[in-house]
Amino acid sequence: MSHDDEPVFRKSPWGTSRYTYNPRNPVGLGLIIAGSAFAIVMMVMMQNRTGPFAPPSEKPWNPPTSTYEPPAYTYEPPTDAPAPRP
């Protein structure tokens, strides 16, 4: 029995304009199995916090805090102004 004439994608049976994988085509069946296996492996990796979901092993880089201190403010009256009268 040959399934070569079956399309990889077929219209959704619910009447929408979406397409689904066709399990009667070997490529469509392979895509269904591969997609399901990928999703299961990713969920297990999330649960166990491994792979890309592992927490960082080191402390993240933290730049040193700034040691800049603004100069102390001191007021000096202008020298070209006349001195105040007593």
Protein backbone atom coordinates (compact mmCIF):
# COMPACT_ATOMS: atom_id res chain seq x y z
CA MET A 1 0.00 0.00 0.00
CA SER A 2 1.63 3.24 -1.17
CA HIS A 3 1.10 6.52 0.66
CA ASP A 4 3.12 8.63 -1.77
CA ASP A 5 0.05 10.40 -3.06
CA GLU A 6 -0.93 11.69 0.42
CA PRO A 7 0.11 15.33 1.12
CA VAL A 8 2.36 16.12 4.10
CA PHE A 9 -0.07 18.80 5.27
CA ARG A 10 -3.84 18.68 5.15
CA LYS A 11 -6.56 21.14 6.07
CA SER A 12 -7.77 21.10 9.63
CA PRO A 13 -10.81 18.85 10.15
CA TRP A 14 -12.57 21.59 12.16
CA GLY A 15 -13.20 23.74 9.11
CA THR A 16 -10.65 26.42 9.88
CA SER A 17 -8.10 27.63 7.36
CA ARG A 18 -5.23 26.05 9.31
CA TYR A 19 -3.18 23.08 8.18
CA THR A 20 -2.08 20.06 10.22
CA TYR A 21 0.46 17.28 9.70
CA ASN A 22 -0.97 14.29 7.85
CA PRO A 23 -0.19 11.04 9.75
CA ARG A 24 -0.98 9.00 6.62
CA ASN A 25 2.12 10.41 4.94
CA PRO A 26 5.45 9.02 6.27
CA VAL A 27 7.01 12.49 6.39
CA GLY A 28 3.98 13.90 8.22
CA LEU A 29 4.08 11.02 10.71
CA GLY A 30 7.81 11.59 11.23
CA LEU A 31 7.20 15.30 11.89
CA ILE A 32 4.49 14.45 14.43
CA ILE A 33 6.80 12.03 16.27
CA ALA A 34 9.82 14.37 16.12
CA GLY A 35 7.81 17.36 17.35
CA SER A 36 6.28 15.40 20.22
CA ALA A 37 9.66 13.96 21.25
CA PHE A 38 11.25 17.43 21.14
CA ALA A 39 8.49 18.89 23.33
CA ILE A 40 8.77 16.06 25.88
CA VAL A 41 12.57 16.38 26.08
CA MET A 42 12.31 20.16 26.58
CA MET A 43 9.75 19.74 29.38
CA VAL A 44 11.94 17.18 31.15
CA MET A 45 14.93 19.52 30.82
CA MET A 46 12.88 22.38 32.29
CA GLN A 47 11.74 20.21 35.19
CA ASN A 48 15.29 19.05 35.97
CA ARG A 49 16.83 22.48 35.26
CA THR A 50 19.46 21.12 32.87
CA GLY A 51 20.82 22.25 29.53
CA PRO A 52 19.75 25.76 28.57
CA PHE A 53 17.45 25.89 31.61
CA ALA A 54 20.26 25.35 34.15
CA PRO A 55 20.89 28.16 36.61
CA PRO A 56 24.18 30.02 36.13
CA SER A 57 27.06 28.19 37.78
CA GLU A 58 28.99 31.35 38.68
CA LYS A 59 28.02 34.65 40.14
CA PRO A 60 27.08 37.00 37.34
CA TRP A 61 29.56 39.74 36.54
CA ASN A 62 29.10 42.65 38.88
CA PRO A 63 31.10 45.79 38.05
CA PRO A 64 32.76 47.56 40.97
CA THR A 65 30.89 50.42 42.48
CA SER A 66 32.07 53.90 41.65
CA THR A 67 34.56 55.45 44.05
CA TYR A 68 34.05 58.97 42.67
CA GLU A 69 33.37 61.56 45.33
CA PRO A 70 32.34 65.04 44.24
CA PRO A 71 34.54 67.80 45.63
CA ALA A 72 33.34 69.56 48.75
CA TYR A 73 31.46 72.77 47.98
CA THR A 74 33.05 75.93 49.33
CA TYR A 75 31.77 79.40 48.60
CA GLU A 76 34.24 82.13 47.75
CA PRO A 77 32.85 85.58 47.05
CA PRO A 78 33.99 87.16 43.83
CA THR A 79 37.11 89.27 44.24
CA ASP A 80 35.98 92.10 41.95
CA ALA A 81 32.90 92.92 44.05
CA PRO A 82 33.20 95.70 46.63
CA ALA A 83 33.34 94.65 50.26
CA PRO A 84 30.07 95.08 52.18
CA ARG A 85 29.81 98.13 54.48
CA PRO A 86 29.42 97.55 58.21
